[in-house]
Protein backbone atom coordinates (compact mmCIF):
# COMPACT_ATOMS: atom_id res chain seq x y z
CA MET A 1 -0.14 0.06 -0.03
CA THR A 2 1.17 3.84 -0.92
CA PHE A 3 1.84 6.43 2.00
CA THR A 4 -1.65 8.03 0.62
CA GLN A 5 -3.58 4.91 0.72
CA ILE A 6 -2.18 3.92 4.47
CA ASP A 7 -3.60 7.36 5.47
CA VAL A 8 -6.84 7.49 3.85
CA PHE A 9 -7.53 3.62 5.78
CA LEU A 10 -6.66 4.99 8.81
CA ARG A 11 -8.73 8.35 8.27
CA TRP A 12 -11.89 6.56 7.32
CA LEU A 13 -10.52 4.27 10.41
CA HIS A 14 -10.14 6.54 12.94
CA VAL A 15 -13.72 8.79 11.61
CA ILE A 16 -16.16 5.39 11.54
CA ALA A 17 -14.89 4.36 15.62
CA GLY A 18 -14.97 7.58 16.79
CA ILE A 19 -18.89 8.22 15.09
CA THR A 20 -19.24 4.97 17.15
CA TRP A 21 -17.93 5.35 20.48
CA ILE A 22 -18.95 9.64 20.43
CA GLY A 23 -22.73 8.14 19.52
CA HIS A 24 -22.51 5.92 21.64
CA LEU A 25 -21.78 8.48 24.90
CA TYR A 26 -24.20 11.10 23.44
CA PHE A 27 -26.88 7.74 23.55
CA PHE A 28 -26.02 7.32 26.86
CA ASN A 29 -25.88 11.11 28.22
CA PHE A 30 -28.88 12.61 26.49
CA VAL A 31 -30.94 9.87 25.83
CA ASN A 32 -30.06 6.89 28.35
CA VAL A 33 -29.96 8.96 31.32
CA PRO A 34 -33.15 11.22 31.33
CA LEU A 35 -34.87 7.28 30.23
CA GLN A 36 -33.33 5.39 33.59
CA GLY A 37 -34.67 8.61 35.88
CA VAL A 38 -37.38 7.45 35.78
CA LEU A 39 -37.70 3.71 35.83
CA ASP A 40 -37.50 1.70 39.09
CA ASP A 41 -34.88 -0.61 40.36
CA ALA A 42 -36.68 -3.83 39.14
CA THR A 43 -37.01 -2.42 35.79
CA LYS A 44 -33.63 -1.36 35.02
CA LYS A 45 -31.95 -4.32 36.26
CA ALA A 46 -34.42 -6.05 33.47
CA LEU A 47 -33.58 -3.58 30.83
CA ASN A 48 -29.67 -2.87 31.25
CA LYS A 49 -28.55 -6.68 31.43
CA GLU A 50 -30.13 -6.53 27.72
CA LEU A 51 -29.19 -3.13 26.70
CA MET A 52 -25.88 -1.80 28.74
CA PHE A 53 -23.55 -4.45 27.93
CA ARG A 54 -24.17 -4.49 24.07
CA ALA A 55 -23.91 -0.48 24.54
CA LEU A 56 -20.73 -0.96 26.09
CA PHE A 57 -18.81 -3.70 23.86
CA TRP A 58 -19.69 -0.76 20.78
CA PHE A 59 -18.46 2.19 23.02
CA ARG A 60 -15.70 0.84 24.52
CA TRP A 61 -14.24 -0.78 21.38
CA GLY A 62 -15.05 2.16 19.69
CA ALA A 63 -12.61 4.66 22.12
CA MET A 64 -10.18 1.93 21.65
CA ILE A 65 -10.10 2.08 17.95
CA THR A 66 -10.53 5.79 17.79
CA LEU A 67 -7.42 6.34 19.74
CA LEU A 68 -5.25 3.38 17.95
CA ALA A 69 -6.07 4.63 14.59
CA GLY A 70 -5.47 8.36 15.64
CA LEU A 71 -1.81 7.41 17.08
CA ALA A 72 -1.73 5.95 13.89
CA LEU A 73 -2.56 9.13 11.85
CA PHE A 74 -0.51 11.56 14.19
CA THR A 75 2.80 9.15 13.37
CA LEU A 76 2.16 8.78 9.67
CA ASN A 77 1.61 12.33 9.38
CA PHE A 78 3.62 14.54 12.07
CA MET A 79 5.92 11.74 12.87
CA TYR A 80 7.30 10.40 9.23
CA THR A 81 8.08 12.40 6.23
CA PRO A 82 8.28 9.83 2.88
CA GLU A 83 11.30 11.43 1.31
CA ILE A 84 13.33 11.72 4.48
CA GLY A 85 11.61 8.66 7.37
CA PHE A 86 10.88 8.74 10.87
CA GLY A 87 11.22 12.41 12.61
CA PRO A 88 9.25 15.51 13.40
CA SER A 89 7.66 16.79 9.98
CA PRO A 90 7.29 20.58 8.43
CA ILE A 91 3.71 20.43 9.33
CA PHE A 92 4.36 19.56 12.75
CA ARG A 93 7.86 21.44 13.39
CA GLY A 94 8.98 24.48 12.09
CA ALA A 95 11.60 27.18 12.07
CA GLU A 96 9.95 28.87 15.43
CA GLY A 97 9.06 25.85 17.12
CA LEU A 98 5.67 23.97 16.83
CA THR A 99 3.30 24.83 13.76
CA SER A 100 -0.53 25.89 14.61
CA ARG A 101 -1.98 22.51 13.33
CA ALA A 102 0.02 20.62 15.93
CA VAL A 103 -0.39 22.81 18.88
CA LEU A 104 -4.06 22.15 18.05
CA ILE A 105 -3.31 18.52 17.29
CA LEU A 106 -2.02 17.90 20.07
CA ILE A 107 -4.79 19.96 22.62
CA GLY A 108 -7.68 17.72 20.44
CA MET A 109 -5.39 14.25 21.21
CA THR A 110 -5.09 15.43 24.66
CA LEU A 111 -8.85 15.63 25.12
CA GLY A 112 -9.13 12.35 23.66
CA PHE A 113 -6.84 10.53 25.53
CA ILE A 114 -8.73 11.70 28.71
CA MET A 115 -11.65 10.93 27.60
CA TRP A 116 -10.27 7.33 26.50
CA PHE A 117 -8.85 6.89 29.79
CA ASN A 118 -12.49 7.77 31.69
CA VAL A 119 -14.12 4.93 29.57
CA TRP A 120 -11.80 2.11 30.32
CA PHE A 121 -10.25 2.91 33.68
CA VAL A 122 -13.75 4.31 34.49
CA ILE A 123 -16.67 4.35 33.25
CA TRP A 124 -16.74 0.31 31.74
CA PRO A 125 -14.95 -0.85 35.50
CA THR A 126 -17.96 0.85 37.38
CA GLN A 127 -20.60 0.00 35.01
CA LYS A 128 -19.65 -3.32 34.30
CA ALA A 129 -19.60 -4.34 38.37
CA MET A 130 -22.91 -2.93 38.89
CA LEU A 131 -24.43 -5.21 35.68
CA THR A 132 -22.93 -8.05 37.07
CA GLY A 133 -23.78 -7.37 40.48
CA GLN A 134 -20.36 -6.59 42.10
CA VAL A 135 -21.91 -3.92 43.89
CA PRO A 136 -23.69 -3.63 47.14
CA ALA A 137 -27.27 -2.61 47.32
CA GLU A 138 -26.76 0.70 49.10
CA ALA A 139 -23.26 1.65 47.45
CA LEU A 140 -25.23 1.80 43.48
CA PRO A 141 -26.14 5.28 43.92
CA ALA A 142 -22.51 6.12 44.62
CA ALA A 143 -21.49 3.58 41.66
CA ARG A 144 -24.50 5.30 39.04
CA ALA A 145 -23.19 8.87 40.07
CA LYS A 146 -19.59 8.04 39.91
CA ALA A 147 -20.55 6.89 36.59
CA LYS A 148 -22.51 9.44 35.23
CA LEU A 149 -19.76 11.60 36.18
CA PHE A 150 -17.41 10.80 34.71
CA SER A 151 -20.04 10.16 31.24
CA ARG A 152 -20.76 14.28 31.79
CA ILE A 153 -17.29 14.73 31.74
CA ASN A 154 -16.30 13.50 28.53
CA THR A 155 -19.53 14.65 26.64
CA PHE A 156 -18.49 18.18 27.86
CA LEU A 157 -14.76 17.43 26.95
CA SER A 158 -16.39 15.95 23.07
CA GLY A 159 -17.35 19.31 21.61
CA PRO A 160 -13.66 21.26 22.29
CA MET A 161 -12.00 18.13 21.39
CA LEU A 162 -13.82 17.29 17.85
CA PHE A 163 -13.45 21.20 17.11
CA PHE A 164 -9.25 21.18 17.48
CA MET A 165 -9.29 17.76 15.43
CA LEU A 166 -11.15 18.83 12.50
CA ALA A 167 -9.85 22.70 13.02
CA ALA A 168 -5.56 21.07 13.15
CA PRO A 169 -5.89 20.49 9.05
CA HIS A 170 -8.43 23.32 8.17
CA PHE A 171 -8.14 26.31 10.50
CA GLY A 172 -4.78 27.44 10.87
CA SER A 173 -4.64 29.21 13.63
CA ALA A 174 -3.79 28.39 16.90
CA SER A 175 -3.71 32.01 18.59
CA PRO A 176 -5.43 31.98 22.70
CA VAL A 177 -8.30 33.57 21.07
CA ALA A 178 -9.52 30.73 18.90
CA ILE A 179 -8.03 27.88 21.37
CA ILE A 180 -10.59 29.78 24.25
CA ALA A 181 -13.29 30.16 21.22
CA PHE A 182 -13.02 26.29 20.79
CA ILE A 183 -13.10 25.12 24.58
CA LEU A 184 -16.32 27.59 25.13
CA ILE A 185 -18.40 26.97 21.83
CA GLY A 186 -17.75 23.29 22.15
CA GLY A 187 -18.15 23.38 25.77
CA GLY A 188 -21.33 25.41 25.65
CA ALA A 189 -22.61 22.97 22.49
CA MET A 190 -22.51 20.11 24.84
CA HIS A 191 -24.18 22.33 27.81
CA LEU A 192 -27.11 23.15 25.78
CA ALA A 193 -27.86 19.48 24.96
CA VAL A 194 -27.20 17.95 28.23
CA LYS A 195 -30.12 20.45 29.36
CA ALA A 196 -32.34 19.94 26.71
CA SER A 197 -32.35 15.85 27.46
CA ASP A 198 -34.62 16.68 30.26
CA THR A 199 -37.25 17.80 28.13
CA ALA A 200 -36.39 16.84 24.23
CA GLY A 201 -39.37 13.98 22.97
CA LYS A 202 -40.59 13.36 25.87
CA PRO A 203 -44.86 12.12 24.85
């Protein structure tokens, strides 16, 4: 395969896995959280056993594949030059240091890595423990609150993260104003979506 073919395949894999991951994140936060709030414990137990294991499978593996494909893309585009080999490429580091594209993608990657960590080391283990009955009844409210908190953190991070990822190859400016704007707009959009989820689609 040529450099271009590998690049296109990795981009496709990164995007489709990211859609799977973030799509499930939004399902959990915008649809499932309000639903769980109106269910009694018996209904939750019956429903979640069938629903959550399936959803969490696609959720966590979407996150993992997104991360791995993203790291491969970063290496291919920022740490490799076909004519030279491995090492920081000109789009990563110029004569004056890191390029704007590098700054934006590094911020986006940092947010994405935090989100991936939360999925694999907080949200999934907590949900798995609850779904398999490893959490005592008296500890369930705290476990649910923990899973919800970190899922909410990921939701609010996802808005800015997507701004930085998309801006890196297209926007061209990593000024403090742009960075703050991406954070405020992305985080604000997620805040509005979370607020709307309480009443959206109610019969």
